[in-house]
Structure formats: structure tokens, C-alpha cells
Amino acid sequence: MITLRETVTVVERLADFLKAVAEAEAAVQHAVRNLNDFRAMVDYAHEREFRDVDDVLAYMDQVLLPQLSGIVDALESGTQPYFETLNRASEEARRLTLRLQVLLEDPGAGLLQ
């Protein structure tokens, strides 16, 4: 049996959980901007006249790899908590769906106020 108050409470929690979508989207957009900057750094490497292979490797080690690592770290830390929240929302919605399906299959079970 599920009460109307329980249903409303779950729906309100789901709405709060789904606010994480905007935060995750912002983190992804930030990562895209960082990746565009990274692309510019790679393009710069093509335009730059390196003296030898050691210069290329130094640029990669000192500029490109740290930048790429920072992008990966920021993307992971900037999205993980929001994806966890969205997974909780998914589980909450699944449980509510099961409870409401019971009500649909057995109207006698009743939806109490």
C-alpha cells in the first residue's frame, strides 16, 4: 500500500535529485572548454618549430600531459557526485514505479491519502 503523501514525498525527492543534471551539465561544459584549450595547445605544437625530438617530448611532458591530466581529474571530480545523485534518483523512481504498478494491478490495494 502506498499513501498519497508518500507518493508526493518521493516525487519531491526525485525533483531534488534531478537538479544534479544541471550541475553535471555545467561540469561537462567546463571540460569541453578545457578540451578546446587543449586542442589549441596541440595545434600550437604543430605550428611551433621545435629544434629536435627532445623539444617535442619536453613540450608534451611539461605542457600537454599535465593539461590533459587536469582535464581528466576535473571531469571526474566535477561529475561523479552528480552521477551518484542521478543513480539514486533512478533507484528511487524504480521503487516508486514498482509500488504504483502494484496499485494498478490491484486497485483494491488502495492509494491512501
N, C-alpha and C. Protein backbone atom coordinates (compact mmCIF):
# COMPACT_ATOMS: atom_id res chain seq x y z
N MET A 1 0.84 -1.17 0.00
CA MET A 1 0.00 0.00 0.00
C MET A 1 0.90 1.24 0.00
N ILE A 2 0.45 2.23 -0.72
CA ILE A 2 1.21 3.48 -0.80
C ILE A 2 0.25 4.64 -0.55
N THR A 3 0.70 5.57 0.23
CA THR A 3 -0.15 6.72 0.51
C THR A 3 0.15 7.83 -0.48
N LEU A 4 -0.80 8.72 -0.60
CA LEU A 4 -0.61 9.87 -1.47
C LEU A 4 0.54 10.72 -0.95
N ARG A 5 0.64 10.87 0.35
CA ARG A 5 1.72 11.66 0.95
C ARG A 5 3.08 11.03 0.62
N GLU A 6 3.18 9.70 0.69
CA GLU A 6 4.44 9.03 0.34
C GLU A 6 4.79 9.27 -1.13
N THR A 7 3.78 9.22 -1.97
CA THR A 7 3.99 9.44 -3.40
C THR A 7 4.51 10.85 -3.65
N VAL A 8 3.89 11.82 -3.02
CA VAL A 8 4.32 13.21 -3.19
C VAL A 8 5.74 13.39 -2.66
N THR A 9 6.05 12.80 -1.53
CA THR A 9 7.39 12.90 -0.94
C THR A 9 8.44 12.33 -1.88
N VAL A 10 8.15 11.17 -2.47
CA VAL A 10 9.10 10.56 -3.40
C VAL A 10 9.28 11.43 -4.63
N VAL A 11 8.20 11.96 -5.16
CA VAL A 11 8.29 12.81 -6.35
C VAL A 11 9.10 14.08 -6.03
N GLU A 12 8.92 14.64 -4.85
CA GLU A 12 9.70 15.82 -4.45
C GLU A 12 11.19 15.47 -4.35
N ARG A 13 11.50 14.29 -3.78
CA ARG A 13 12.90 13.87 -3.70
C ARG A 13 13.48 13.68 -5.09
N LEU A 14 12.68 13.09 -5.98
CA LEU A 14 13.16 12.90 -7.35
C LEU A 14 13.46 14.24 -8.01
N ALA A 15 12.60 15.22 -7.80
CA ALA A 15 12.82 16.55 -8.36
C ALA A 15 14.13 17.15 -7.82
N ASP A 16 14.39 16.96 -6.52
CA ASP A 16 15.65 17.45 -5.94
C ASP A 16 16.84 16.72 -6.54
N PHE A 17 16.72 15.40 -6.68
CA PHE A 17 17.81 14.62 -7.27
C PHE A 17 18.11 15.09 -8.69
N LEU A 18 17.08 15.39 -9.44
CA LEU A 18 17.26 15.73 -10.84
C LEU A 18 17.88 17.11 -11.04
N LYS A 19 17.97 17.89 -9.98
CA LYS A 19 18.70 19.16 -10.08
C LYS A 19 20.17 18.91 -10.39
N ALA A 20 20.63 17.69 -10.10
CA ALA A 20 22.02 17.33 -10.37
C ALA A 20 22.33 17.35 -11.87
N VAL A 21 21.30 17.25 -12.70
CA VAL A 21 21.52 17.27 -14.15
C VAL A 21 22.19 18.57 -14.57
N ALA A 22 21.70 19.69 -14.06
CA ALA A 22 22.27 20.99 -14.43
C ALA A 22 23.72 21.10 -13.96
N GLU A 23 24.01 20.58 -12.77
CA GLU A 23 25.38 20.64 -12.26
C GLU A 23 26.32 19.75 -13.08
N ALA A 24 25.85 18.56 -13.43
CA ALA A 24 26.67 17.67 -14.26
C ALA A 24 26.89 18.28 -15.64
N GLU A 25 25.84 18.90 -16.17
CA GLU A 25 25.96 19.55 -17.48
C GLU A 25 27.00 20.67 -17.43
N ALA A 26 27.00 21.45 -16.35
CA ALA A 26 27.97 22.54 -16.20
C ALA A 26 29.39 21.98 -16.13
N ALA A 27 29.58 20.87 -15.42
CA ALA A 27 30.91 20.26 -15.33
C ALA A 27 31.37 19.75 -16.69
N VAL A 28 30.47 19.18 -17.46
CA VAL A 28 30.82 18.68 -18.79
C VAL A 28 31.15 19.85 -19.72
N GLN A 29 30.36 20.92 -19.65
CA GLN A 29 30.64 22.09 -20.49
C GLN A 29 32.00 22.69 -20.14
N HIS A 30 32.33 22.71 -18.85
CA HIS A 30 33.65 23.20 -18.43
C HIS A 30 34.75 22.32 -19.02
N ALA A 31 34.55 21.01 -19.00
CA ALA A 31 35.53 20.08 -19.58
C ALA A 31 35.66 20.30 -21.09
N VAL A 32 34.57 20.58 -21.76
CA VAL A 32 34.62 20.85 -23.20
C VAL A 32 35.45 22.10 -23.48
N ARG A 33 35.26 23.14 -22.68
CA ARG A 33 36.07 24.35 -22.85
C ARG A 33 37.55 24.04 -22.63
N ASN A 34 37.84 23.24 -21.60
CA ASN A 34 39.23 22.85 -21.35
C ASN A 34 39.80 22.02 -22.49
N LEU A 35 38.99 21.14 -23.06
CA LEU A 35 39.45 20.34 -24.20
C LEU A 35 39.70 21.21 -25.42
N ASN A 36 38.89 22.23 -25.61
CA ASN A 36 39.13 23.16 -26.72
C ASN A 36 40.46 23.90 -26.52
N ASP A 37 40.73 24.29 -25.28
CA ASP A 37 42.03 24.91 -24.98
C ASP A 37 43.17 23.93 -25.25
N PHE A 38 42.94 22.68 -24.88
CA PHE A 38 43.96 21.65 -25.11
C PHE A 38 44.21 21.47 -26.60
N ARG A 39 43.13 21.48 -27.38
CA ARG A 39 43.27 21.38 -28.84
C ARG A 39 44.12 22.53 -29.38
N ALA A 40 43.92 23.73 -28.84
CA ALA A 40 44.73 24.88 -29.26
C ALA A 40 46.20 24.66 -28.92
N MET A 41 46.46 24.03 -27.79
CA MET A 41 47.85 23.74 -27.41
C MET A 41 48.47 22.72 -28.36
N VAL A 42 47.69 21.75 -28.77
CA VAL A 42 48.18 20.75 -29.73
C VAL A 42 48.42 21.42 -31.09
N ASP A 43 47.48 22.27 -31.49
CA ASP A 43 47.67 23.00 -32.76
C ASP A 43 48.93 23.86 -32.71
N TYR A 44 49.15 24.50 -31.57
CA TYR A 44 50.34 25.32 -31.40
C TYR A 44 51.60 24.46 -31.59
N ALA A 45 51.54 23.23 -31.08
CA ALA A 45 52.70 22.34 -31.23
C ALA A 45 52.99 22.06 -32.70
N HIS A 46 51.96 22.04 -33.53
CA HIS A 46 52.17 21.83 -34.96
C HIS A 46 52.79 23.06 -35.63
N GLU A 47 52.47 24.23 -35.12
CA GLU A 47 52.97 25.46 -35.72
C GLU A 47 54.37 25.82 -35.21
N ARG A 48 54.64 25.41 -34.02
CA ARG A 48 55.94 25.74 -33.41
C ARG A 48 57.06 24.98 -34.12
N GLU A 49 58.14 25.63 -34.23
CA GLU A 49 59.28 24.99 -34.86
C GLU A 49 60.19 24.42 -33.78
N PHE A 50 60.01 23.16 -33.50
CA PHE A 50 60.84 22.50 -32.50
C PHE A 50 62.23 22.24 -33.09
N ARG A 51 63.23 22.31 -32.26
CA ARG A 51 64.60 22.06 -32.72
C ARG A 51 64.84 20.58 -32.97
N ASP A 52 64.29 19.77 -32.09
CA ASP A 52 64.51 18.32 -32.23
C ASP A 52 63.43 17.56 -31.46
N VAL A 53 63.56 16.27 -31.48
CA VAL A 53 62.57 15.40 -30.82
C VAL A 53 62.52 15.67 -29.32
N ASP A 54 63.65 15.98 -28.75
CA ASP A 54 63.69 16.26 -27.31
C ASP A 54 62.82 17.47 -26.95
N ASP A 55 62.80 18.48 -27.81
CA ASP A 55 61.94 19.65 -27.59
C ASP A 55 60.46 19.25 -27.65
N VAL A 56 60.14 18.40 -28.59
CA VAL A 56 58.75 17.93 -28.72
C VAL A 56 58.35 17.17 -27.46
N LEU A 57 59.20 16.26 -27.03
CA LEU A 57 58.90 15.47 -25.83
C LEU A 57 58.80 16.36 -24.59
N ALA A 58 59.67 17.36 -24.51
CA ALA A 58 59.61 18.27 -23.37
C ALA A 58 58.28 19.03 -23.36
N TYR A 59 57.84 19.49 -24.53
CA TYR A 59 56.56 20.19 -24.63
C TYR A 59 55.42 19.26 -24.20
N MET A 60 55.47 18.04 -24.66
CA MET A 60 54.44 17.08 -24.29
C MET A 60 54.44 16.84 -22.79
N ASP A 61 55.64 16.60 -22.22
CA ASP A 61 55.74 16.28 -20.80
C ASP A 61 55.41 17.47 -19.90
N GLN A 62 55.83 18.66 -20.30
CA GLN A 62 55.68 19.83 -19.44
C GLN A 62 54.37 20.59 -19.65
N VAL A 63 53.77 20.45 -20.83
CA VAL A 63 52.58 21.25 -21.13
C VAL A 63 51.35 20.37 -21.40
N LEU A 64 51.47 19.52 -22.40
CA LEU A 64 50.28 18.78 -22.84
C LEU A 64 49.80 17.75 -21.83
N LEU A 65 50.69 16.91 -21.34
CA LEU A 65 50.26 15.86 -20.42
C LEU A 65 49.70 16.41 -19.11
N PRO A 66 50.33 17.40 -18.48
CA PRO A 66 49.72 17.96 -17.26
C PRO A 66 48.34 18.58 -17.53
N GLN A 67 48.21 19.24 -18.67
CA GLN A 67 46.92 19.84 -19.02
C GLN A 67 45.86 18.76 -19.19
N LEU A 68 46.20 17.69 -19.90
CA LEU A 68 45.26 16.60 -20.11
C LEU A 68 44.90 15.91 -18.80
N SER A 69 45.87 15.70 -17.95
CA SER A 69 45.59 15.10 -16.63
C SER A 69 44.65 15.98 -15.82
N GLY A 70 44.86 17.29 -15.88
CA GLY A 70 43.97 18.22 -15.17
C GLY A 70 42.55 18.16 -15.69
N ILE A 71 42.40 18.03 -16.99
CA ILE A 71 41.07 17.93 -17.59
C ILE A 71 40.38 16.66 -17.11
N VAL A 72 41.09 15.55 -17.13
CA VAL A 72 40.51 14.27 -16.69
C VAL A 72 40.12 14.36 -15.22
N ASP A 73 41.00 14.87 -14.37
CA ASP A 73 40.71 14.99 -12.95
C ASP A 73 39.50 15.88 -12.69
N ALA A 74 39.44 17.01 -13.38
CA ALA A 74 38.32 17.93 -13.20
C ALA A 74 37.01 17.31 -13.66
N LEU A 75 37.05 16.58 -14.75
CA LEU A 75 35.84 15.94 -15.25
C LEU A 75 35.36 14.86 -14.29
N GLU A 76 36.27 14.07 -13.78
CA GLU A 76 35.89 13.02 -12.83
C GLU A 76 35.32 13.62 -11.55
N SER A 77 36.04 14.57 -10.96
CA SER A 77 35.57 15.14 -9.69
C SER A 77 34.35 16.03 -9.88
N GLY A 78 34.23 16.62 -11.06
CA GLY A 78 33.11 17.52 -11.31
C GLY A 78 31.82 16.83 -11.68
N THR A 79 31.89 15.56 -12.03
CA THR A 79 30.66 14.85 -12.43
C THR A 79 30.29 13.71 -11.49
N GLN A 80 31.26 13.09 -10.84
CA GLN A 80 30.98 11.91 -10.03
C GLN A 80 29.86 12.11 -9.00
N PRO A 81 29.90 13.17 -8.18
CA PRO A 81 28.83 13.30 -7.19
C PRO A 81 27.45 13.47 -7.82
N TYR A 82 27.40 14.12 -8.96
CA TYR A 82 26.11 14.34 -9.61
C TYR A 82 25.59 13.06 -10.26
N PHE A 83 26.50 12.26 -10.81
CA PHE A 83 26.07 10.98 -11.36
C PHE A 83 25.60 10.05 -10.26
N GLU A 84 26.23 10.10 -9.09
CA GLU A 84 25.77 9.31 -7.95
C GLU A 84 24.36 9.74 -7.55
N THR A 85 24.12 11.03 -7.54
CA THR A 85 22.79 11.55 -7.21
C THR A 85 21.77 11.09 -8.25
N LEU A 86 22.14 11.13 -9.52
CA LEU A 86 21.23 10.68 -10.57
C LEU A 86 20.96 9.18 -10.47
N ASN A 87 21.94 8.41 -10.06
CA ASN A 87 21.72 6.98 -9.85
C ASN A 87 20.76 6.75 -8.69
N ARG A 88 20.87 7.55 -7.63
CA ARG A 88 19.90 7.44 -6.51
C ARG A 88 18.50 7.79 -7.01
N ALA A 89 18.40 8.80 -7.85
CA ALA A 89 17.10 9.18 -8.41
C ALA A 89 16.52 8.04 -9.23
N SER A 90 17.35 7.40 -10.01
CA SER A 90 16.90 6.27 -10.82
C SER A 90 16.36 5.14 -9.95
N GLU A 91 17.09 4.85 -8.87
CA GLU A 91 16.65 3.79 -7.95
C GLU A 91 15.34 4.17 -7.26
N GLU A 92 15.23 5.41 -6.85
CA GLU A 92 14.01 5.90 -6.21
C GLU A 92 12.82 5.80 -7.17
N ALA A 93 13.05 6.19 -8.41
CA ALA A 93 11.97 6.11 -9.42
C ALA A 93 11.58 4.67 -9.68
N ARG A 94 12.56 3.76 -9.69
CA ARG A 94 12.26 2.34 -9.91
C ARG A 94 11.39 1.80 -8.78
N ARG A 95 11.73 2.15 -7.54
CA ARG A 95 10.93 1.68 -6.39
C ARG A 95 9.52 2.25 -6.44
N LEU A 96 9.41 3.53 -6.76
CA LEU A 96 8.08 4.15 -6.85
C LEU A 96 7.27 3.50 -7.95
N THR A 97 7.89 3.23 -9.07
CA THR A 97 7.20 2.58 -10.19
C THR A 97 6.67 1.22 -9.77
N LEU A 98 7.47 0.45 -9.07
CA LEU A 98 7.01 -0.87 -8.60
C LEU A 98 5.81 -0.75 -7.67
N ARG A 99 5.88 0.21 -6.77
CA ARG A 99 4.75 0.39 -5.83
C ARG A 99 3.49 0.85 -6.57
N LEU A 100 3.64 1.71 -7.54
CA LEU A 100 2.48 2.18 -8.29
C LEU A 100 1.93 1.08 -9.21
N GLN A 101 2.80 0.21 -9.71
CA GLN A 101 2.33 -0.91 -10.53
C GLN A 101 1.47 -1.86 -9.71
N VAL A 102 1.83 -2.06 -8.45
CA VAL A 102 1.01 -2.89 -7.56
C VAL A 102 -0.38 -2.27 -7.45
N LEU A 103 -0.43 -0.97 -7.32
CA LEU A 103 -1.71 -0.27 -7.23
C LEU A 103 -2.52 -0.45 -8.51
N LEU A 104 -1.86 -0.37 -9.67
CA LEU A 104 -2.56 -0.55 -10.94
C LEU A 104 -3.09 -1.97 -11.10
N GLU A 105 -2.29 -2.95 -10.67
CA GLU A 105 -2.68 -4.34 -10.82
C GLU A 105 -3.75 -4.74 -9.81
N ASP A 106 -3.77 -4.10 -8.65
CA ASP A 106 -4.75 -4.43 -7.61
C ASP A 106 -5.31 -3.14 -7.04
N PRO A 107 -6.29 -2.54 -7.74
CA PRO A 107 -6.86 -1.28 -7.25
C PRO A 107 -7.39 -1.41 -5.83
N GLY A 108 -7.71 -2.60 -5.40
CA GLY A 108 -8.19 -2.81 -4.05
C GLY A 108 -7.12 -2.55 -3.01
N ALA A 109 -5.86 -2.59 -3.45
CA ALA A 109 -4.77 -2.32 -2.51
C ALA A 109 -4.87 -0.89 -2.00
N GLY A 110 -5.41 -0.04 -2.86
CA GLY A 110 -5.75 1.32 -2.46
C GLY A 110 -4.58 2.30 -2.41
N LEU A 111 -4.92 3.49 -2.74
CA LEU A 111 -3.99 4.61 -2.61
C LEU A 111 -4.56 5.45 -1.47
N LEU A 112 -3.96 5.37 -0.34
CA LEU A 112 -4.46 6.09 0.83
C LEU A 112 -3.99 7.53 0.80
N GLN A 113 -4.80 8.40 1.37
CA GLN A 113 -4.44 9.82 1.41
C GLN A 113 -3.61 10.13 2.57
